[in-house]
C-alpha atoms as a PDB file:
ATOM      1  CA  MET A   1     135.824  81.487  91.975  1.00  0.00           C
ATOM      2  CA  ASN A   2     138.770  83.341  93.513  1.00  0.00           C
ATOM      3  CA  VAL A   3     138.984  85.027  96.898  1.00  0.00           C
ATOM      4  CA  PHE A   4     138.536  88.538  95.454  1.00  0.00           C
ATOM      5  CA  ARG A   5     135.289  87.595  93.697  1.00  0.00           C
ATOM      6  CA  PHE A   6     133.931  85.932  96.830  1.00  0.00           C
ATOM      7  CA  ALA A   7     134.972  88.873  99.037  1.00  0.00           C
ATOM      8  CA  GLY A   8     133.329  91.246  96.566  1.00  0.00           C
ATOM      9  CA  ASP A   9     130.083  89.282  96.623  1.00  0.00           C
ATOM     10  CA  MET A  10     130.061  89.161 100.427  1.00  0.00           C
ATOM     11  CA  THR A  11     130.770  92.891 100.646  1.00  0.00           C
ATOM     12  CA  HIS A  12     127.912  93.568  98.236  1.00  0.00           C
ATOM     13  CA  LEU A  13     125.648  91.366 100.332  1.00  0.00           C
ATOM     14  CA  ALA A  14     126.799  93.143 103.499  1.00  0.00           C
ATOM     15  CA  SER A  15     125.921  96.531 101.981  1.00  0.00           C
ATOM     16  CA  ILE A  16     122.374  95.323 101.308  1.00  0.00           C
ATOM     17  CA  LEU A  17     122.035  93.921 104.835  1.00  0.00           C
ATOM     18  CA  VAL A  18     123.263  97.207 106.310  1.00  0.00           C
ATOM     19  CA  LEU A  19     120.706  99.142 104.264  1.00  0.00           C
ATOM     20  CA  LEU A  20     117.848  96.836 105.284  1.00  0.00           C
ATOM     21  CA  LEU A  21     119.032  96.990 108.905  1.00  0.00           C
ATOM     22  CA  LYS A  22     118.971 100.778 108.821  1.00  0.00           C
ATOM     23  CA  ILE A  23     115.460 100.865 107.390  1.00  0.00           C
ATOM     24  CA  GLN A  24     114.075  98.162 109.683  1.00  0.00           C
ATOM     25  CA  ALA A  25     115.766  99.326 112.894  1.00  0.00           C
ATOM     26  CA  THR A  26     115.123 103.040 112.506  1.00  0.00           C
ATOM     27  CA  LYS A  27     111.873 102.791 110.530  1.00  0.00           C
ATOM     28  CA  SER A  28     113.383 105.457 108.320  1.00  0.00           C
ATOM     29  CA  CYS A  29     114.855 105.722 104.838  1.00  0.00           C
ATOM     30  CA  ALA A  30     116.159 109.258 105.353  1.00  0.00           C
ATOM     31  CA  GLY A  31     119.323 109.784 103.331  1.00  0.00           C
ATOM     32  CA  VAL A  32     118.591 106.876 100.987  1.00  0.00           C
ATOM     33  CA  SER A  33     117.979 107.658  97.335  1.00  0.00           C
ATOM     34  CA  MET A  34     114.966 105.883  95.872  1.00  0.00           C
ATOM     35  CA  ARG A  35     116.295 106.843  92.441  1.00  0.00           C
ATOM     36  CA  THR A  36     119.424 104.782  93.027  1.00  0.00           C
ATOM     37  CA  GLN A  37     117.391 101.877  94.409  1.00  0.00           C
ATOM     38  CA  GLU A  38     115.157 101.942  91.322  1.00  0.00           C
ATOM     39  CA  LEU A  39     118.219 101.887  89.082  1.00  0.00           C
ATOM     40  CA  TYR A  40     119.690  98.919  90.944  1.00  0.00           C
ATOM     41  CA  ALA A  41     116.394  97.034  90.643  1.00  0.00           C
ATOM     42  CA  ILE A  42     116.491  97.625  86.874  1.00  0.00           C
ATOM     43  CA  VAL A  43     120.146  96.529  86.781  1.00  0.00           C
ATOM     44  CA  PHE A  44     119.463  93.230  88.537  1.00  0.00           C
ATOM     45  CA  VAL A  45     116.324  92.365  86.580  1.00  0.00           C
ATOM     46  CA  ALA A  46     118.013  93.130  83.245  1.00  0.00           C
ATOM     47  CA  ARG A  47     121.178  91.222  84.144  1.00  0.00           C
ATOM     48  CA  TYR A  48     119.629  88.146  85.684  1.00  0.00           C
ATOM     49  CA  LEU A  49     116.990  87.237  83.127  1.00  0.00           C
ATOM     50  CA  ASP A  50     119.058  84.101  82.548  1.00  0.00           C
ATOM     51  CA  LEU A  51     117.616  82.756  85.800  1.00  0.00           C
ATOM     52  CA  PHE A  52     114.751  81.430  83.679  1.00  0.00           C
ATOM     53  CA  PHE A  53     116.843  79.422  81.224  1.00  0.00           C
ATOM     54  CA  SER A  54     120.405  79.031  82.505  1.00  0.00           C
ATOM     55  CA  PHE A  55     121.913  77.339  85.574  1.00  0.00           C
ATOM     56  CA  ILE A  56     125.542  77.941  86.504  1.00  0.00           C
ATOM     57  CA  SER A  57     125.654  76.940  90.158  1.00  0.00           C
ATOM     58  CA  LEU A  58     123.490  77.003  93.278  1.00  0.00           C
ATOM     59  CA  TYR A  59     125.628  79.829  94.670  1.00  0.00           C
ATOM     60  CA  ASN A  60     125.166  81.877  91.510  1.00  0.00           C
ATOM     61  CA  THR A  61     121.405  81.342  91.460  1.00  0.00           C
ATOM     62  CA  VAL A  62     120.939  82.161  95.143  1.00  0.00           C
ATOM     63  CA  MET A  63     122.974  85.377  94.884  1.00  0.00           C
ATOM     64  CA  LYS A  64     120.979  86.530  91.874  1.00  0.00           C
ATOM     65  CA  MET A  65     117.705  85.902  93.683  1.00  0.00           C
ATOM     66  CA  ILE A  66     118.962  87.745  96.773  1.00  0.00           C
ATOM     67  CA  PHE A  67     119.947  90.820  94.768  1.00  0.00           C
ATOM     68  CA  ILE A  68     116.628  91.010  92.924  1.00  0.00           C
ATOM     69  CA  SER A  69     114.458  90.353  95.966  1.00  0.00           C
ATOM     70  CA  SER A  70     116.396  92.717  98.248  1.00  0.00           C
ATOM     71  CA  SER A  71     116.074  95.562  95.726  1.00  0.00           C
ATOM     72  CA  CYS A  72     112.325  94.975  95.531  1.00  0.00           C
ATOM     73  CA  CYS A  73     112.162  94.837  99.329  1.00  0.00           C
ATOM     74  CA  VAL A  74     113.916  98.197  99.723  1.00  0.00           C
ATOM     75  CA  LEU A  75     111.600  99.773  97.160  1.00  0.00           C
ATOM     76  CA  TRP A  76     108.588  98.315  98.962  1.00  0.00           C
ATOM     77  CA  TYR A  77     109.728  99.925 102.203  1.00  0.00           C
ATOM     78  CA  MET A  78     110.345 103.283 100.556  1.00  0.00           C
ATOM     79  CA  ARG A  79     107.176 103.369  98.464  1.00  0.00           C
ATOM     80  CA  ILE A  80     104.553 101.453 100.411  1.00  0.00           C
ATOM     81  CA  HIS A  81     105.476 100.876 104.075  1.00  0.00           C
ATOM     82  CA  ARG A  82     103.167 103.022 106.171  1.00  0.00           C
ATOM     83  CA  VAL A  83     105.906 104.478 108.383  1.00  0.00           C
ATOM     84  CA  VAL A  84     109.112 104.256 106.349  1.00  0.00           C
ATOM     85  CA  SER A  85     107.628 105.797 103.206  1.00  0.00           C
ATOM     86  CA  GLN A  86     106.824 108.959 105.176  1.00  0.00           C
ATOM     87  CA  THR A  87     110.540 109.533 105.853  1.00  0.00           C
ATOM     88  CA  TYR A  88     111.579 109.523 102.201  1.00  0.00           C
ATOM     89  CA  ASP A  89     112.938 112.940 101.182  1.00  0.00           C
ATOM     90  CA  ARG A  90     111.302 113.520  97.793  1.00  0.00           C
ATOM     91  CA  GLU A  91     112.316 117.159  97.678  1.00  0.00           C
ATOM     92  CA  GLN A  92     116.030 116.365  97.838  1.00  0.00           C
ATOM     93  CA  ASP A  93     116.086 113.157  95.783  1.00  0.00           C
ATOM     94  CA  THR A  94     115.402 114.787  92.420  1.00  0.00           C
ATOM     95  CA  PHE A  95     118.100 113.336  90.150  1.00  0.00           C
ATOM     96  CA  ARG A  96     116.654 112.731  86.674  1.00  0.00           C
ATOM     97  CA  ILE A  97     117.447 109.090  86.087  1.00  0.00           C
ATOM     98  CA  ALA A  98     116.336 109.297  82.457  1.00  0.00           C
ATOM     99  CA  PHE A  99     119.721 110.939  81.821  1.00  0.00           C
ATOM    100  CA  LEU A 100     121.330 107.684  83.001  1.00  0.00           C
ATOM    101  CA  LEU A 101     118.848 105.165  81.617  1.00  0.00           C
ATOM    102  CA  LEU A 102     118.668 106.378  78.029  1.00  0.00           C
ATOM    103  CA  PRO A 103     122.426 106.775  77.357  1.00  0.00           C
ATOM    104  CA  SER A 104     123.110 103.403  78.982  1.00  0.00           C
ATOM    105  CA  PHE A 105     120.539 101.682  76.795  1.00  0.00           C
ATOM    106  CA  MET A 106     121.700 103.438  73.629  1.00  0.00           C
ATOM    107  CA  MET A 107     125.302 102.455  74.342  1.00  0.00           C
ATOM    108  CA  ALA A 108     124.223  98.854  74.935  1.00  0.00           C
ATOM    109  CA  LEU A 109     122.561  98.812  71.514  1.00  0.00           C
ATOM    110  CA  VAL A 110     125.713 100.069  69.828  1.00  0.00           C
ATOM    111  CA  ILE A 111     128.563  98.667  71.935  1.00  0.00           C
ATOM    112  CA  ASN A 112     128.084  95.048  72.960  1.00  0.00           C
ATOM    113  CA  HIS A 113     129.677  91.632  72.558  1.00  0.00           C
ATOM    114  CA  GLU A 114     126.718  90.210  70.673  1.00  0.00           C
ATOM    115  CA  PHE A 115     123.578  91.859  69.319  1.00  0.00           C
ATOM    116  CA  SER A 116     120.937  89.674  70.946  1.00  0.00           C
ATOM    117  CA  PHE A 117     118.106  90.455  73.347  1.00  0.00           C
ATOM    118  CA  VAL A 118     119.731  88.918  76.422  1.00  0.00           C
ATOM    119  CA  GLU A 119     123.215  90.206  75.618  1.00  0.00           C
ATOM    120  CA  VAL A 120     122.023  93.778  75.014  1.00  0.00           C
ATOM    121  CA  LEU A 121     120.113  93.782  78.314  1.00  0.00           C
ATOM    122  CA  TRP A 122     123.148  92.353  80.115  1.00  0.00           C
ATOM    123  CA  THR A 123     125.385  95.056  78.615  1.00  0.00           C
ATOM    124  CA  PHE A 124     122.782  97.696  79.486  1.00  0.00           C
ATOM    125  CA  SER A 125     122.908  96.535  83.111  1.00  0.00           C
ATOM    126  CA  ILE A 126     126.709  96.850  83.143  1.00  0.00           C
ATOM    127  CA  TYR A 127     126.622 100.417  81.839  1.00  0.00           C
ATOM    128  CA  LEU A 128     123.762 101.391  84.143  1.00  0.00           C
ATOM    129  CA  GLU A 129     125.359  99.931  87.264  1.00  0.00           C
ATOM    130  CA  ALA A 130     128.451 102.054  86.613  1.00  0.00           C
ATOM    131  CA  VAL A 131     126.429 105.236  87.187  1.00  0.00           C
ATOM    132  CA  ALA A 132     123.531 104.021  89.362  1.00  0.00           C
ATOM    133  CA  ILE A 133     125.149 105.380  92.531  1.00  0.00           C
ATOM    134  CA  LEU A 134     125.103 108.978  91.245  1.00  0.00           C
ATOM    135  CA  PRO A 135     121.636 109.901  92.633  1.00  0.00           C
ATOM    136  CA  GLN A 136     122.702 108.548  96.032  1.00  0.00           C
ATOM    137  CA  LEU A 137     125.934 110.541  96.037  1.00  0.00           C
ATOM    138  CA  VAL A 138     124.104 113.701  94.999  1.00  0.00           C
ATOM    139  CA  LEU A 139     121.545 113.180  97.781  1.00  0.00           C
ATOM    140  CA  LEU A 140     124.331 112.720 100.344  1.00  0.00           C
ATOM    141  CA  GLN A 141     125.903 115.993  99.209  1.00  0.00           C
ATOM    142  CA  ARG A 142     122.589 117.731  99.805  1.00  0.00           C
ATOM    143  CA  THR A 143     122.104 116.056 103.191  1.00  0.00           C
ATOM    144  CA  LYS A 144     124.102 117.804 105.877  1.00  0.00           C
ATOM    145  CA  ASN A 145     123.920 115.020 108.473  1.00  0.00           C
ATOM    146  CA  ILE A 146     124.706 111.588 107.043  1.00  0.00           C
ATOM    147  CA  ASP A 147     123.891 108.827 109.520  1.00  0.00           C
ATOM    148  CA  THR A 148     126.418 106.082 110.160  1.00  0.00           C
ATOM    149  CA  LEU A 149     124.437 103.235 108.614  1.00  0.00           C
ATOM    150  CA  THR A 150     123.839 105.108 105.365  1.00  0.00           C
ATOM    151  CA  GLY A 151     127.524 106.003 105.161  1.00  0.00           C
ATOM    152  CA  ASN A 152     128.490 102.385 105.823  1.00  0.00           C
ATOM    153  CA  TYR A 153     126.063 101.190 103.154  1.00  0.00           C
ATOM    154  CA  VAL A 154     127.621 103.381 100.470  1.00  0.00           C
ATOM    155  CA  PHE A 155     131.160 102.537 101.615  1.00  0.00           C
ATOM    156  CA  LEU A 156     130.481  98.790 101.389  1.00  0.00           C
ATOM    157  CA  LEU A 157     128.835  99.238  98.003  1.00  0.00           C
ATOM    158  CA  GLY A 158     131.950 100.971  96.715  1.00  0.00           C
ATOM    159  CA  GLY A 159     134.173  98.396  98.386  1.00  0.00           C
ATOM    160  CA  TYR A 160     132.414  95.600  96.540  1.00  0.00           C
ATOM    161  CA  ARG A 161     133.260  97.164  93.198  1.00  0.00           C
ATOM    162  CA  ALA A 162     136.885  97.810  94.236  1.00  0.00           C
ATOM    163  CA  LEU A 163     137.239  94.123  95.154  1.00  0.00           C
ATOM    164  CA  TYR A 164     135.833  93.174  91.771  1.00  0.00           C
ATOM    165  CA  LEU A 165     138.615  95.201  90.150  1.00  0.00           C
ATOM    166  CA  LEU A 166     141.105  92.989  91.984  1.00  0.00           C
ATOM    167  CA  ASN A 167     139.130  89.960  90.831  1.00  0.00           C
ATOM    168  CA  TRP A 168     139.456  91.030  87.193  1.00  0.00           C
ATOM    169  CA  ILE A 169     143.186  91.683  87.569  1.00  0.00           C
ATOM    170  CA  TYR A 170     143.652  88.264  89.149  1.00  0.00           C
ATOM    171  CA  ARG A 171     141.699  86.527  86.399  1.00  0.00           C
ATOM    172  CA  TYR A 172     143.600  88.415  83.681  1.00  0.00           C
ATOM    173  CA  LEU A 173     146.889  87.232  85.180  1.00  0.00           C
ATOM    174  CA  THR A 174     145.803  83.630  85.769  1.00  0.00           C
ATOM    175  CA  GLU A 175     143.304  82.824  82.994  1.00  0.00           C
ATOM    176  CA  PRO A 176     144.751  82.791  79.454  1.00  0.00           C
ATOM    177  CA  GLY A 177     142.519  84.636  77.002  1.00  0.00           C
ATOM    178  CA  TYR A 178     140.369  86.268  79.690  1.00  0.00           C
ATOM    179  CA  SER A 179     139.114  89.635  78.416  1.00  0.00           C
ATOM    180  CA  GLN A 180     135.981  91.616  79.241  1.00  0.00           C
ATOM    181  CA  TRP A 181     136.799  95.183  78.322  1.00  0.00           C
ATOM    182  CA  ILE A 182     133.192  96.430  78.614  1.00  0.00           C
ATOM    183  CA  VAL A 183     133.018  95.204  82.195  1.00  0.00           C
ATOM    184  CA  TRP A 184     136.488  96.520  82.982  1.00  0.00           C
ATOM    185  CA  LEU A 185     135.894 100.041  81.700  1.00  0.00           C
ATOM    186  CA  SER A 186     132.477 100.288  83.340  1.00  0.00           C
ATOM    187  CA  GLY A 187     133.924  99.011  86.602  1.00  0.00           C
ATOM    188  CA  LEU A 188     136.725 101.569  86.533  1.00  0.00           C
ATOM    189  CA  ILE A 189     134.235 104.388  85.989  1.00  0.00           C
ATOM    190  CA  GLN A 190     132.027 103.082  88.785  1.00  0.00           C
ATOM    191  CA  THR A 191     134.927 102.818  91.235  1.00  0.00           C
ATOM    192  CA  ALA A 192     136.165 106.294  90.286  1.00  0.00           C
ATOM    193  CA  LEU A 193     132.773 107.761  91.235  1.00  0.00           C
ATOM    194  CA  TYR A 194     133.305 106.505  94.789  1.00  0.00           C
ATOM    195  CA  CYS A 195     136.792 107.944  95.261  1.00  0.00           C
ATOM    196  CA  ASP A 196     135.620 111.296  96.632  1.00  0.00           C
ATOM    197  CA  PHE A 197     133.208 109.565  99.001  1.00  0.00           C
ATOM    198  CA  PHE A 198     135.925 107.142 100.155  1.00  0.00           C
ATOM    199  CA  TYR A 199     138.197 110.068 101.026  1.00  0.00           C
ATOM    200  CA  TYR A 200     135.638 111.860 103.201  1.00  0.00           C
ATOM    201  CA  TYR A 201     134.396 108.615 104.740  1.00  0.00           C
ATOM    202  CA  LEU A 202     137.902 107.615 105.856  1.00  0.00           C
ATOM    203  CA  GLN A 203     138.608 111.162 107.050  1.00  0.00           C
ATOM    204  CA  SER A 204     135.480 111.149 109.211  1.00  0.00           C
ATOM    205  CA  TRP A 205     136.365 107.696 110.551  1.00  0.00           C
ATOM    206  CA  ARG A 206     139.930 108.756 111.380  1.00  0.00           C
ATOM    207  CA  LYS A 207     138.771 111.921 113.155  1.00  0.00           C
ATOM    208  CA  ASN A 208     135.783 110.174 114.740  1.00  0.00           C
ATOM    209  CA  GLU A 209     133.455 112.782 113.266  1.00  0.00           C
ATOM    210  CA  ARG A 210     130.063 112.569 111.598  1.00  0.00           C
ATOM    211  CA  LEU A 211     130.356 112.057 107.855  1.00  0.00           C
ATOM    212  CA  SER A 212     129.559 115.022 105.640  1.00  0.00           C
ATOM    213  CA  LEU A 213     130.273 115.699 101.985  1.00  0.00           C
ATOM    214  CA  PRO A 214     131.069 119.111 100.485  1.00  0.00           C
ATOM    215  CA  SER A 215     128.233 120.680  98.500  1.00  0.00           C
END
């Protein structure tokens, strides 16, 4: 594992901790898209089915378990918690995730490295993760006042993917024969979706103003 991969994993973990901190500390999930959280839960479950029959390392196993359990925890807060669930903005979070799920699954059936159950689900998770942030970004555009913790959560989530791009470049330059074009293309699309958010986030930070996105 190189430094970019490790930094990416830690940034991803930090984004989850920031989100859970926001929900726990404020007893509110205002500004958080349940649609995006549902998509991430599907991504992690589909990608990490190999937990049941494959062991790579203790680090790898622990990280997989953290990602799955944290996604379920966030959904529990938003759906079931007596106080937090009342703060979920159902009227604004209306993105139709079927328009992301179905194309991602169809692409995984057609474009994959190997046509097997596990491989198709893994590829599906790669395609779906590339666009899973869209409901969250749309919700932030509709929300006039974006709180700091929610903005930090999305920024860290985008930062994790940007660090993974550096990880792939590093591996391409240092590992002969390394090639994962499905992951690369999906990662580029995912990072590109954050670019607009990154711009306004850094602008608000530089001007010490509350983050807001144009409608």
